[in-house]
Amino acid sequence: MSVESDSLTPLSGAESLLQTLVACGVDTCFANPGTSEMHFVAALDAVPAMRPVLCLFEGVATGAADGYARMAGKPASTLLHLGPGLANGLAGLHNARRAQSPVVTIVGDHATDHLQYDAPLTSDIVGLARPVSDWVRRSTSARALPGDVVAAVASARRPPGQIATLIVPADTAWSPAERIGTPEAEPLPATIPESTLEHVSGLLHGPGRAAMLLRGDVLHGQGLQWAARIAAQTGAALFCDTFAPRIRRGGHHPVIARLHYRGDEVIRQLAAFDHLILVGAEPPVAFFAYPGKPSWLVPPDCALHTLTRPGENGPDALERLADRLDAKANAPAARHAVTAPRPDDALTAETILRCISIDLPEDAIVVDEGLTSTFPYYDLLDAALPHDHLNLTGGAIGSGIPLSVGAAIAAPGRKIVCLHGDGGAMYSLQGLWTQARERLDVVTIIFANRAYAILEQELARVGAHVDGTQSRSLLDIGDPDLDWTALATGMGVAAERVTTVAAFRDSFGRAIRTKGPVLIEAVLA
């Protein structure tokens, strides 16, 4: 039932909005507000259960909400200012949608009777929100607002996780409201039928060789163990998709092969299999089109099958499948040992990842947007102590620092290690300020190669030819070199630059032992 306001002062729409969010379990808001959101801001003092987190750029707010959702398993909200504020956050929402993260996006708008004057900040907010949202609604009154908030949270929670955007005109926030909304029951993922289990069980018992492609919560919960038991019992291979949102790795956890970024490599990875079974995943496709290269990456002789679709109960399906197959034995984790680099070795992406693999603390959270620096050495972290690994999902670079902000707030007490290329980190370096403001326990490692290295690789792959300095100037981010120690310390984050393996390992060790944000600029040889 609805809860009425007991105060003699009428409940405002903004207070009703905040109290309804909290009642629905949404108690963190990543915000970059403006004039149309000032009543929301003022209402925070009346709703202390809501934690506001100021972000100096909207892309940090939306990316942080993504990282929070991946680790908390529930939505955060964002507070954005009109259409331009939403537009600044679209890249983060794009990645969050690809990650299937639940996010409630609150966007303020002009008061209803002010829209007719076409003021400078007037825009088509619904049109901007639609491509990155699974649900969009414009609230029409303070009276309707609590119900709209309940619907937004319910939509965001719908498995496997959605982006819900609620547009709140200023007069809706400042007008009197009547109540706080009543939360809906959390929607449950659908259970697959026995006929699907029978079909997949038959494939795994059959003569052909099978692989399973995993995505979603089966990669960081009990479903991971069930998948490993099935693989040990049947000989099936286990893959995760290239940019799985979250995967539990290291220690006793099973090693899951990652599909390669390059399409040719994916086809080679899957060439030996007669069957590819999707578990919460979509069929693999090329990240981009390339001249003369296929976009569809399932080999022609490999048949596709679906155990669970996104939004269906993957862990339950894997447990029931394991029971059918009598797969009860825990499979040993097959991982290689990692040797430490020598102190006088060159500081490269590989030697850095070797150091991190050896020194990463137990139960850390690794946020990975190292791209060309980290992708070739991804397997090294399988030898680390148990940790969670968060990937860039939608390809919109610059998410690493914001993701680390959200993950740190969702999982206090766990060390966050953010691996980031220098070019991509410039997209959202404002997140360092939020790390300092909130005293978040994040170690950010900048792989400083002074270039958009991934674009240099893409030039060759698309068949483009570079002959002069003008074209090269769009790929080189030197001249002048970025000074990450100055950038970080200017936003309140302790930082140092390292150029040798010995210095990196010493710096990383100190950062791990330090509480609060630290940045290490690793200048690659």
Protein backbone atom coordinates (compact mmCIF):
# COMPACT_ATOMS: atom_id res chain seq x y z
CA MET A 1 0.00 0.00 0.00
CA SER A 2 1.08 3.59 -0.49
CA VAL A 3 2.72 5.53 2.34
CA GLU A 4 1.27 8.96 2.97
CA SER A 5 3.39 11.91 4.06
CA ASP A 6 3.11 12.50 7.83
CA SER A 7 4.58 15.99 7.65
CA LEU A 8 2.43 19.11 7.87
CA THR A 9 4.52 20.41 4.97
CA PRO A 10 3.21 19.03 1.68
CA LEU A 11 5.38 16.38 0.07
CA SER A 12 6.95 17.82 -3.08
CA GLY A 13 7.22 15.85 -6.29
CA ALA A 14 11.01 15.75 -5.91
CA GLU A 15 10.74 14.36 -2.35
CA SER A 16 8.21 11.81 -3.55
CA LEU A 17 10.57 10.82 -6.38
CA LEU A 18 13.53 10.31 -4.05
CA GLN A 19 11.57 8.48 -1.38
CA THR A 20 10.03 6.20 -4.00
CA LEU A 21 13.47 5.39 -5.42
CA VAL A 22 14.70 4.47 -1.94
CA ALA A 23 11.59 2.40 -1.25
CA CYS A 24 12.31 0.51 -4.47
CA GLY A 25 15.89 -0.22 -3.35
CA VAL A 26 17.63 2.49 -5.40
CA ASP A 27 19.74 4.37 -2.87
CA THR A 28 22.65 5.80 -4.92
CA CYS A 29 22.46 8.64 -7.45
CA PHE A 30 25.32 9.67 -9.73
CA ALA A 31 24.51 13.26 -10.56
CA ASN A 32 25.42 16.28 -12.66
CA PRO A 33 22.43 18.56 -12.05
CA GLY A 34 21.35 21.92 -13.43
CA THR A 35 18.58 24.48 -12.87
CA SER A 36 15.72 22.17 -13.80
CA GLU A 37 16.90 19.65 -11.16
CA MET A 38 17.35 22.04 -8.22
CA HIS A 39 14.24 20.80 -6.38
CA PHE A 40 15.64 17.26 -6.65
CA VAL A 41 18.90 18.56 -5.14
CA ALA A 42 17.11 20.38 -2.32
CA ALA A 43 15.03 17.30 -1.53
CA LEU A 44 18.17 15.26 -0.79
CA ASP A 45 18.35 16.83 2.67
CA ALA A 46 14.92 15.40 3.43
CA VAL A 47 15.86 11.92 2.15
CA PRO A 48 19.17 10.99 3.82
CA ALA A 49 18.89 7.37 2.69
CA MET A 50 19.75 8.47 -0.86
CA ARG A 51 23.51 8.81 -1.43
CA PRO A 52 24.29 11.56 -3.97
CA VAL A 53 27.59 11.30 -5.85
CA LEU A 54 28.65 14.38 -7.79
CA CYS A 55 30.29 13.75 -11.18
CA LEU A 56 31.90 16.57 -13.15
CA PHE A 57 30.83 15.13 -16.49
CA GLU A 58 27.66 13.25 -17.37
CA GLY A 59 29.62 10.44 -19.03
CA VAL A 60 31.20 9.76 -15.64
CA ALA A 61 27.74 9.60 -14.03
CA THR A 62 26.32 7.11 -16.53
CA GLY A 63 29.49 5.00 -16.58
CA ALA A 64 29.58 4.94 -12.78
CA ALA A 65 25.95 3.76 -12.69
CA ASP A 66 26.99 0.92 -15.02
CA GLY A 67 29.90 -0.13 -12.77
CA TYR A 68 27.70 0.10 -9.69
CA ALA A 69 25.00 -2.09 -11.23
CA ARG A 70 27.48 -4.75 -12.35
CA MET A 71 28.82 -5.16 -8.81
CA ALA A 72 25.73 -4.40 -6.70
CA GLY A 73 23.33 -6.41 -8.84
CA LYS A 74 20.74 -3.63 -8.59
CA PRO A 75 20.13 -0.24 -10.23
CA ALA A 76 21.63 3.08 -9.34
CA SER A 77 20.04 6.24 -10.64
CA THR A 78 21.61 9.08 -12.55
CA LEU A 79 20.50 12.71 -12.49
CA LEU A 80 21.16 14.57 -15.76
CA HIS A 81 20.34 18.10 -16.92
CA LEU A 82 17.98 18.37 -19.89
CA GLY A 83 18.77 17.03 -23.35
CA PRO A 84 22.40 18.22 -23.59
CA GLY A 85 23.21 16.64 -20.22
CA LEU A 86 21.68 13.37 -21.39
CA ALA A 87 23.59 13.64 -24.66
CA ASN A 88 26.86 13.96 -22.75
CA GLY A 89 26.02 10.71 -20.97
CA LEU A 90 24.89 8.68 -23.99
CA ALA A 91 28.16 6.78 -24.47
CA GLY A 92 28.03 5.52 -20.89
CA LEU A 93 24.41 4.47 -21.31
CA HIS A 94 25.27 2.73 -24.58
CA ASN A 95 27.92 0.65 -22.77
CA ALA A 96 25.56 0.01 -19.84
CA ARG A 97 22.85 -1.23 -22.19
CA ARG A 98 25.31 -3.58 -23.88
CA ALA A 99 26.38 -4.75 -20.42
CA GLN A 100 22.70 -5.41 -19.59
CA SER A 101 23.13 -3.26 -16.49
CA PRO A 102 20.01 -1.99 -14.71
CA VAL A 103 20.10 1.83 -14.62
CA VAL A 104 17.38 4.36 -13.80
CA THR A 105 18.18 7.57 -15.68
CA ILE A 106 16.42 10.67 -14.32
CA VAL A 107 16.53 13.59 -16.75
CA GLY A 108 15.22 16.99 -15.73
CA ASP A 109 13.35 19.12 -18.25
CA HIS A 110 11.87 22.61 -18.49
CA ALA A 111 8.61 23.24 -16.67
CA THR A 112 5.67 22.15 -18.81
CA ASP A 113 4.35 25.65 -19.53
CA HIS A 114 7.85 26.91 -20.39
CA LEU A 115 8.38 24.48 -23.28
CA GLN A 116 6.22 26.56 -25.62
CA TYR A 117 8.85 29.32 -25.64
CA ASP A 118 11.59 27.11 -27.14
CA ALA A 119 14.26 28.31 -24.70
CA PRO A 120 17.89 27.63 -25.68
CA LEU A 121 18.15 24.31 -23.79
CA THR A 122 14.90 22.89 -25.17
CA SER A 123 15.43 19.65 -27.09
CA ASP A 124 13.82 16.34 -28.00
CA ILE A 125 14.81 14.43 -24.85
CA VAL A 126 12.69 11.42 -25.76
CA GLY A 127 14.42 11.25 -29.14
CA LEU A 128 17.84 11.40 -27.50
CA ALA A 129 16.95 8.78 -24.91
CA ARG A 130 15.28 6.25 -27.17
CA PRO A 131 18.38 4.65 -28.79
CA VAL A 132 20.01 3.86 -25.41
CA SER A 133 16.87 3.09 -23.40
CA ASP A 134 14.62 0.05 -23.12
CA TRP A 135 11.91 2.16 -21.46
CA VAL A 136 11.23 5.92 -21.74
CA ARG A 137 8.50 7.96 -20.08
CA ARG A 138 7.86 11.65 -19.54
CA SER A 139 6.11 12.30 -16.23
CA THR A 140 3.04 14.53 -16.58
CA SER A 141 2.39 15.60 -12.99
CA ALA A 142 3.62 15.34 -9.42
CA ARG A 143 0.63 13.12 -8.74
CA ALA A 144 1.71 10.66 -11.43
CA LEU A 145 5.41 10.82 -10.56
CA PRO A 146 5.56 8.10 -7.85
CA GLY A 147 3.93 5.57 -10.16
CA ASP A 148 6.28 6.56 -12.95
CA VAL A 149 9.28 6.00 -10.67
CA VAL A 150 8.01 2.56 -9.65
CA ALA A 151 7.55 1.65 -13.32
CA ALA A 152 11.05 2.90 -14.18
CA VAL A 153 12.70 0.82 -11.46
CA ALA A 154 10.67 -2.25 -12.40
CA SER A 155 11.70 -1.83 -16.03
CA ALA A 156 15.39 -1.41 -15.12
CA ARG A 157 15.23 -4.58 -13.02
CA ARG A 158 13.62 -6.65 -15.76
CA PRO A 159 16.07 -9.50 -16.52
CA PRO A 160 18.78 -9.37 -17.63
CA GLY A 161 18.83 -5.62 -16.81
CA GLN A 162 17.64 -2.59 -18.76
CA ILE A 163 18.06 1.17 -19.10
CA ALA A 164 14.96 3.06 -17.96
CA THR A 165 14.80 6.80 -18.65
CA LEU A 166 12.32 8.99 -16.77
CA ILE A 167 11.98 12.63 -17.85
CA VAL A 168 10.88 14.91 -15.01
CA PRO A 169 9.69 18.44 -15.89
CA ALA A 170 10.67 21.03 -13.27
CA ASP A 171 7.07 21.78 -12.30
CA THR A 172 6.50 18.09 -11.67
CA ALA A 173 9.34 18.23 -9.14
CA TRP A 174 8.25 21.41 -7.36
CA SER A 175 4.50 20.79 -7.26
CA PRO A 176 2.88 19.06 -4.25
CA ALA A 177 2.69 15.28 -4.39
CA GLU A 178 0.25 12.99 -2.63
CA ARG A 179 2.21 9.88 -1.80
CA ILE A 180 5.26 7.65 -2.08
CA GLY A 181 5.05 4.90 -4.67
CA THR A 182 4.64 1.26 -3.68
CA PRO A 183 7.48 -0.97 -4.98
CA GLU A 184 6.64 -3.80 -7.32
CA ALA A 185 7.92 -7.32 -6.74
CA GLU A 186 11.27 -7.85 -8.42
CA PRO A 187 10.76 -9.64 -11.75
CA LEU A 188 12.32 -13.10 -11.92
CA PRO A 189 14.17 -14.55 -14.92
CA ALA A 190 12.24 -17.08 -16.99
CA THR A 191 12.91 -20.78 -16.46
CA ILE A 192 13.67 -22.81 -19.57
CA PRO A 193 11.55 -25.88 -20.40
CA GLU A 194 12.69 -29.48 -19.99
CA SER A 195 12.59 -29.95 -23.76
CA THR A 196 15.47 -27.48 -24.16
CA LEU A 197 17.52 -29.33 -21.55
CA GLU A 198 16.81 -32.62 -23.30
CA HIS A 199 17.95 -31.21 -26.64
CA VAL A 200 21.20 -29.74 -25.27
CA SER A 201 21.92 -32.83 -23.20
CA GLY A 202 21.59 -34.93 -26.34
CA LEU A 203 24.07 -32.69 -28.17
CA LEU A 204 26.62 -33.01 -25.38
CA HIS A 205 26.21 -36.79 -25.33
CA GLY A 206 26.41 -36.96 -29.12
CA PRO A 207 29.35 -37.64 -31.42
CA GLY A 208 30.12 -34.04 -32.44
CA ARG A 209 32.38 -31.68 -30.50
CA ALA A 210 30.53 -28.91 -28.63
CA ALA A 211 31.43 -25.52 -27.20
CA MET A 212 29.37 -23.35 -24.86
CA LEU A 213 29.43 -19.53 -25.14
CA LEU A 214 28.63 -17.96 -21.75
CA ARG A 215 27.49 -14.47 -20.82
CA GLY A 216 25.73 -12.78 -17.93
CA ASP A 217 25.40 -13.98 -14.36
CA VAL A 218 26.60 -17.50 -15.21
CA LEU A 219 30.11 -16.01 -15.35
CA HIS A 220 30.31 -14.79 -11.76
CA GLY A 221 28.08 -17.00 -9.63
CA GLN A 222 27.35 -20.65 -8.98
CA GLY A 223 26.52 -21.11 -12.66
CA LEU A 224 30.25 -20.85 -13.42
CA GLN A 225 30.91 -23.98 -11.36
CA TRP A 226 28.05 -25.86 -13.00
CA ALA A 227 29.41 -24.96 -16.44
CA ALA A 228 32.87 -26.24 -15.45
CA ARG A 229 31.40 -29.53 -14.23
CA ILE A 230 29.49 -29.96 -17.49
CA ALA A 231 32.68 -29.31 -19.46
CA ALA A 232 34.65 -31.80 -17.36
CA GLN A 233 31.95 -34.46 -17.80
CA THR A 234 31.36 -34.03 -21.53
CA GLY A 235 34.57 -32.53 -22.95
CA ALA A 236 32.73 -29.42 -24.08
CA ALA A 237 34.83 -26.27 -24.39
CA LEU A 238 33.85 -23.12 -22.50
CA PHE A 239 34.08 -19.61 -23.96
CA CYS A 240 32.91 -16.21 -22.79
CA ASP A 241 32.16 -13.46 -25.25
CA THR A 242 34.81 -10.90 -26.08
CA PHE A 243 33.55 -8.18 -23.77
CA ALA A 244 31.72 -10.05 -21.01
CA PRO A 245 30.44 -7.45 -18.51
CA ARG A 246 31.68 -9.31 -15.42
CA ILE A 247 33.54 -12.57 -14.92
CA ARG A 248 34.93 -14.21 -11.80
CA ARG A 249 38.55 -15.27 -12.38
CA GLY A 250 41.65 -16.55 -10.66
CA GLY A 251 42.25 -18.86 -7.71
CA HIS A 252 40.02 -21.95 -7.76
CA HIS A 253 37.65 -20.53 -10.38
CA PRO A 254 37.49 -22.30 -13.76
CA VAL A 255 39.39 -20.82 -16.67
CA ILE A 256 37.01 -19.66 -19.39
CA ALA A 257 38.53 -18.97 -22.81
CA ARG A 258 37.72 -15.53 -24.15
CA LEU A 259 36.62 -15.06 -27.74
CA HIS A 260 39.18 -12.99 -29.60
CA TYR A 261 38.56 -9.42 -30.72
CA ARG A 262 39.64 -10.11 -34.30
CA GLY A 263 37.07 -11.92 -36.40
CA ASP A 264 39.58 -14.19 -38.15
CA GLU A 265 40.79 -15.39 -34.77
CA VAL A 266 37.24 -16.08 -33.56
CA ILE A 267 36.56 -18.26 -36.59
CA ARG A 268 39.80 -20.16 -35.90
CA GLN A 269 38.83 -20.57 -32.23
CA LEU A 270 35.48 -22.11 -33.20
CA ALA A 271 36.58 -24.05 -36.29
CA ALA A 272 36.99 -27.35 -34.43
CA PHE A 273 33.42 -27.45 -33.11
CA ASP A 274 30.29 -29.00 -34.57
CA HIS A 275 27.96 -27.27 -32.12
CA LEU A 276 27.98 -23.87 -30.40
CA ILE A 277 25.57 -23.67 -27.46
CA LEU A 278 24.58 -20.16 -26.33
CA VAL A 279 24.12 -19.58 -22.60
CA GLY A 280 22.84 -16.02 -22.14
CA ALA A 281 24.91 -14.96 -25.16
CA GLU A 282 24.27 -13.84 -28.71
CA PRO A 283 26.05 -15.41 -31.71
CA PRO A 284 29.48 -13.83 -32.25
CA VAL A 285 29.78 -11.18 -34.96
CA ALA A 286 32.67 -8.99 -36.09
CA PHE A 287 33.11 -5.76 -34.16
CA PHE A 288 33.39 -3.87 -37.48
CA ALA A 289 33.04 -4.66 -41.17
CA TYR A 290 36.34 -5.21 -42.99
CA PRO A 291 36.88 -5.48 -46.75
CA GLY A 292 36.70 -9.12 -47.79
CA LYS A 293 36.15 -10.36 -44.22
CA PRO A 294 33.01 -12.05 -42.83
CA SER A 295 30.77 -10.28 -40.32
CA TRP A 296 29.14 -13.52 -39.10
CA LEU A 297 31.74 -15.39 -37.07
CA VAL A 298 30.08 -18.77 -36.55
CA PRO A 299 31.90 -21.23 -38.88
CA PRO A 300 29.61 -22.63 -41.59
CA ASP A 301 29.94 -26.21 -40.31
CA CYS A 302 29.11 -25.26 -36.73
CA ALA A 303 25.43 -25.53 -35.73
CA LEU A 304 23.99 -22.94 -33.33
CA HIS A 305 21.85 -23.94 -30.34
CA THR A 306 20.40 -21.96 -27.43
CA LEU A 307 20.29 -23.17 -23.84
CA THR A 308 19.23 -19.79 -22.41
CA ARG A 309 18.52 -16.41 -23.93
CA PRO A 310 19.42 -13.15 -22.17
CA GLY A 311 16.88 -12.70 -19.39
CA GLU A 312 16.36 -16.42 -18.84
CA ASN A 313 17.67 -18.18 -15.73
CA GLY A 314 21.13 -19.34 -16.80
CA PRO A 315 22.42 -20.65 -13.44
CA ASP A 316 19.27 -22.73 -12.96
CA ALA A 317 19.52 -24.11 -16.50
CA LEU A 318 23.17 -25.11 -16.02
CA GLU A 319 22.43 -26.78 -12.68
CA ARG A 320 19.57 -28.78 -14.17
CA LEU A 321 21.70 -29.67 -17.19
CA ALA A 322 24.53 -30.84 -14.91
CA ASP A 323 22.04 -33.04 -13.03
CA ARG A 324 20.87 -34.58 -16.31
CA LEU A 325 24.47 -35.29 -17.29
CA ASP A 326 25.40 -36.52 -13.80
CA ALA A 327 28.16 -33.89 -13.82
CA LYS A 328 28.98 -33.67 -10.13
CA ALA A 329 32.76 -33.58 -9.93
CA ASN A 330 34.49 -30.23 -9.53
CA ALA A 331 36.87 -29.67 -12.40
CA PRO A 332 40.39 -28.50 -11.53
CA ALA A 333 41.28 -25.06 -12.83
CA ALA A 334 43.78 -25.53 -15.65
CA ARG A 335 45.98 -22.46 -15.48
CA HIS A 336 49.60 -21.70 -16.17
CA ALA A 337 52.07 -20.24 -13.72
CA VAL A 338 53.21 -16.67 -14.26
CA THR A 339 56.84 -15.79 -13.76
CA ALA A 340 57.77 -12.37 -12.48
CA PRO A 341 59.67 -10.13 -14.89
CA ARG A 342 63.23 -9.24 -13.98
CA PRO A 343 63.69 -5.75 -12.47
CA ASP A 344 65.78 -4.71 -15.48
CA ASP A 345 63.29 -5.97 -18.10
CA ALA A 346 61.67 -3.35 -20.33
CA LEU A 347 58.44 -1.87 -19.02
CA THR A 348 55.88 -3.23 -21.47
CA ALA A 349 52.22 -4.12 -21.29
CA GLU A 350 53.21 -7.77 -20.80
CA THR A 351 55.61 -7.14 -17.91
CA ILE A 352 53.03 -4.90 -16.22
CA LEU A 353 50.35 -7.61 -16.47
CA ARG A 354 52.80 -10.16 -15.08
CA CYS A 355 53.42 -7.94 -12.07
CA ILE A 356 49.70 -7.37 -11.54
CA SER A 357 48.94 -11.09 -11.81
CA ILE A 358 51.44 -11.85 -9.05
CA ASP A 359 50.63 -8.93 -6.73
CA LEU A 360 46.86 -8.47 -7.20
CA PRO A 361 45.17 -8.76 -3.80
CA GLU A 362 42.48 -11.34 -3.20
CA ASP A 363 38.92 -10.31 -4.07
CA ALA A 364 40.03 -7.25 -6.03
CA ILE A 365 37.92 -5.87 -8.87
CA VAL A 366 39.79 -5.34 -12.14
CA VAL A 367 38.27 -2.76 -14.49
CA ASP A 368 39.85 -3.31 -17.89
CA GLU A 369 39.98 -0.77 -20.67
CA GLY A 370 43.58 -1.34 -21.61
CA LEU A 371 42.54 -2.52 -25.10
CA THR A 372 45.72 -3.06 -27.15
CA SER A 373 47.84 -3.12 -23.99
CA THR A 374 45.82 -5.65 -22.00
CA PHE A 375 43.95 -7.76 -24.54
CA PRO A 376 46.95 -9.83 -25.71
CA TYR A 377 47.85 -10.65 -22.10
CA TYR A 378 44.37 -11.25 -20.72
CA ASP A 379 45.17 -14.88 -19.84
CA LEU A 380 47.90 -13.83 -17.39
CA LEU A 381 45.27 -12.73 -14.87
CA ASP A 382 43.87 -16.27 -14.67
CA ALA A 383 46.89 -16.99 -12.46
CA ALA A 384 46.02 -14.20 -10.00
CA LEU A 385 44.15 -14.58 -6.73
CA PRO A 386 40.32 -14.68 -7.05
CA HIS A 387 38.90 -11.42 -8.41
CA ASP A 388 36.13 -9.97 -10.57
CA HIS A 389 36.97 -8.67 -14.05
CA LEU A 390 34.86 -5.93 -15.68
CA ASN A 391 35.24 -5.28 -19.41
CA LEU A 392 34.37 -2.49 -21.79
CA THR A 393 31.15 -3.79 -23.34
CA GLY A 394 29.73 -1.49 -25.99
CA GLY A 395 32.99 -0.25 -27.50
CA ALA A 396 32.50 3.40 -26.46
CA ILE A 397 35.92 4.07 -24.96
CA GLY A 398 36.46 6.10 -21.82
CA SER A 399 34.39 3.89 -19.53
CA GLY A 400 37.17 2.54 -17.32
CA ILE A 401 37.53 5.38 -14.82
CA PRO A 402 33.72 5.83 -14.44
CA LEU A 403 33.24 2.06 -14.06
CA SER A 404 35.83 2.06 -11.28
CA VAL A 405 33.92 4.83 -9.47
CA GLY A 406 30.68 2.86 -9.52
CA ALA A 407 32.32 -0.46 -8.63
CA ALA A 408 34.11 1.11 -5.65
CA ILE A 409 30.87 2.56 -4.28
CA ALA A 410 29.00 -0.72 -4.82
CA ALA A 411 31.73 -2.82 -3.19
CA PRO A 412 33.36 -0.89 -0.34
CA GLY A 413 36.24 -2.76 1.23
CA ARG A 414 37.41 -4.25 -2.07
CA LYS A 415 40.42 -2.88 -3.94
CA ILE A 416 39.66 -1.64 -7.46
CA VAL A 417 42.44 -1.83 -10.07
CA CYS A 418 41.62 0.11 -13.25
CA LEU A 419 43.71 -0.72 -16.34
CA HIS A 420 43.40 2.05 -18.91
CA GLY A 421 44.96 3.23 -22.14
CA ASP A 422 46.06 6.87 -22.07
CA GLY A 423 43.97 7.92 -25.05
CA GLY A 424 40.72 6.41 -23.79
CA ALA A 425 41.24 7.69 -20.26
CA MET A 426 41.17 11.28 -21.52
CA TYR A 427 37.50 10.84 -22.42
CA SER A 428 36.44 10.78 -18.78
CA LEU A 429 39.40 11.77 -16.61
CA GLN A 430 36.98 13.93 -14.57
CA GLY A 431 36.12 10.69 -12.77
CA LEU A 432 39.43 10.98 -10.92
CA TRP A 433 37.99 13.97 -9.07
CA THR A 434 35.02 11.89 -7.94
CA GLN A 435 37.42 9.17 -6.76
CA ALA A 436 39.16 11.80 -4.62
CA ARG A 437 35.93 13.44 -3.40
CA GLU A 438 34.47 10.07 -2.32
CA ARG A 439 37.85 8.70 -1.11
CA LEU A 440 37.42 5.60 -3.23
CA ASP A 441 39.93 2.76 -2.99
CA VAL A 442 40.99 2.71 -6.65
CA VAL A 443 44.40 2.16 -8.25
CA THR A 444 44.35 3.52 -11.82
CA ILE A 445 47.14 2.31 -14.09
CA ILE A 446 47.61 4.33 -17.25
CA PHE A 447 49.36 2.47 -20.08
CA ALA A 448 51.10 5.47 -21.63
CA ASN A 449 51.99 4.60 -25.22
CA ARG A 450 51.31 8.15 -26.46
CA ALA A 451 49.01 6.94 -29.26
CA TYR A 452 45.58 5.68 -30.18
CA ALA A 453 47.22 2.32 -30.76
CA ILE A 454 44.00 0.46 -31.50
CA LEU A 455 43.28 2.86 -34.39
CA GLU A 456 46.75 2.26 -35.79
CA GLN A 457 45.88 -1.43 -35.96
CA GLU A 458 42.49 -0.73 -37.47
CA LEU A 459 44.02 1.31 -40.28
CA ALA A 460 45.72 -1.76 -41.63
CA ARG A 461 42.72 -4.00 -41.13
CA VAL A 462 40.34 -1.80 -43.12
CA GLY A 463 42.89 -1.46 -45.93
CA ALA A 464 43.47 2.27 -45.48
CA HIS A 465 46.93 3.59 -46.34
CA VAL A 466 48.69 6.36 -44.44
CA ASP A 467 51.42 8.22 -46.30
CA GLY A 468 51.81 11.55 -44.55
CA THR A 469 51.96 13.51 -41.34
CA GLN A 470 48.39 14.85 -41.56
CA SER A 471 46.78 11.43 -41.27
CA ARG A 472 49.28 10.31 -38.62
CA SER A 473 48.48 13.38 -36.54
CA LEU A 474 45.03 11.95 -35.78
CA LEU A 475 46.52 8.82 -34.20
CA ASP A 476 49.45 10.29 -32.25
CA ILE A 477 48.65 11.83 -28.87
CA GLY A 478 52.20 13.02 -28.18
CA ASP A 479 53.48 16.53 -28.96
CA PRO A 480 52.76 17.44 -26.25
CA ASP A 481 52.84 14.28 -24.12
CA LEU A 482 50.01 13.98 -21.64
CA ASP A 483 51.22 14.52 -18.08
CA TRP A 484 49.07 12.10 -16.12
CA THR A 485 50.75 12.80 -12.81
CA ALA A 486 49.83 16.47 -13.14
CA LEU A 487 46.32 15.68 -14.36
CA ALA A 488 45.68 13.32 -11.45
CA THR A 489 47.20 15.43 -8.68
CA GLY A 490 45.29 18.44 -10.02
CA MET A 491 42.10 16.51 -9.19
CA GLY A 492 43.26 15.32 -5.78
CA VAL A 493 44.57 11.86 -6.67
CA ALA A 494 48.10 10.89 -5.63
CA ALA A 495 50.13 9.93 -8.69
CA GLU A 496 53.56 8.96 -9.91
CA ARG A 497 55.22 8.12 -13.22
CA VAL A 498 57.25 4.92 -13.66
CA THR A 499 59.51 3.82 -16.52
CA THR A 500 61.01 0.54 -15.26
CA VAL A 501 59.70 -2.81 -14.06
CA ALA A 502 61.34 -2.35 -10.68
CA ALA A 503 59.70 1.05 -10.22
CA PHE A 504 56.30 -0.23 -11.35
CA ARG A 505 56.26 -3.18 -8.99
CA ASP A 506 57.34 -0.99 -6.09
CA SER A 507 54.72 1.63 -6.94
CA PHE A 508 51.94 -0.92 -7.42
CA GLY A 509 52.79 -2.57 -4.11
CA ARG A 510 52.54 0.74 -2.27
CA ALA A 511 49.28 1.58 -4.03
CA ILE A 512 47.75 -1.75 -3.01
CA ARG A 513 48.66 -1.05 0.62
CA THR A 514 47.30 2.51 0.47
CA LYS A 515 43.65 3.35 1.14
CA GLY A 516 42.20 5.84 -1.28
CA PRO A 517 42.76 6.70 -4.94
CA VAL A 518 46.21 6.39 -6.54
CA LEU A 519 47.25 6.73 -10.19
CA ILE A 520 50.34 5.16 -11.77
CA GLU A 521 51.42 6.43 -15.17
CA ALA A 522 53.37 3.56 -16.73
CA VAL A 523 55.41 4.88 -19.66
CA LEU A 524 55.80 1.93 -22.02
CA ALA A 525 59.14 1.18 -23.60
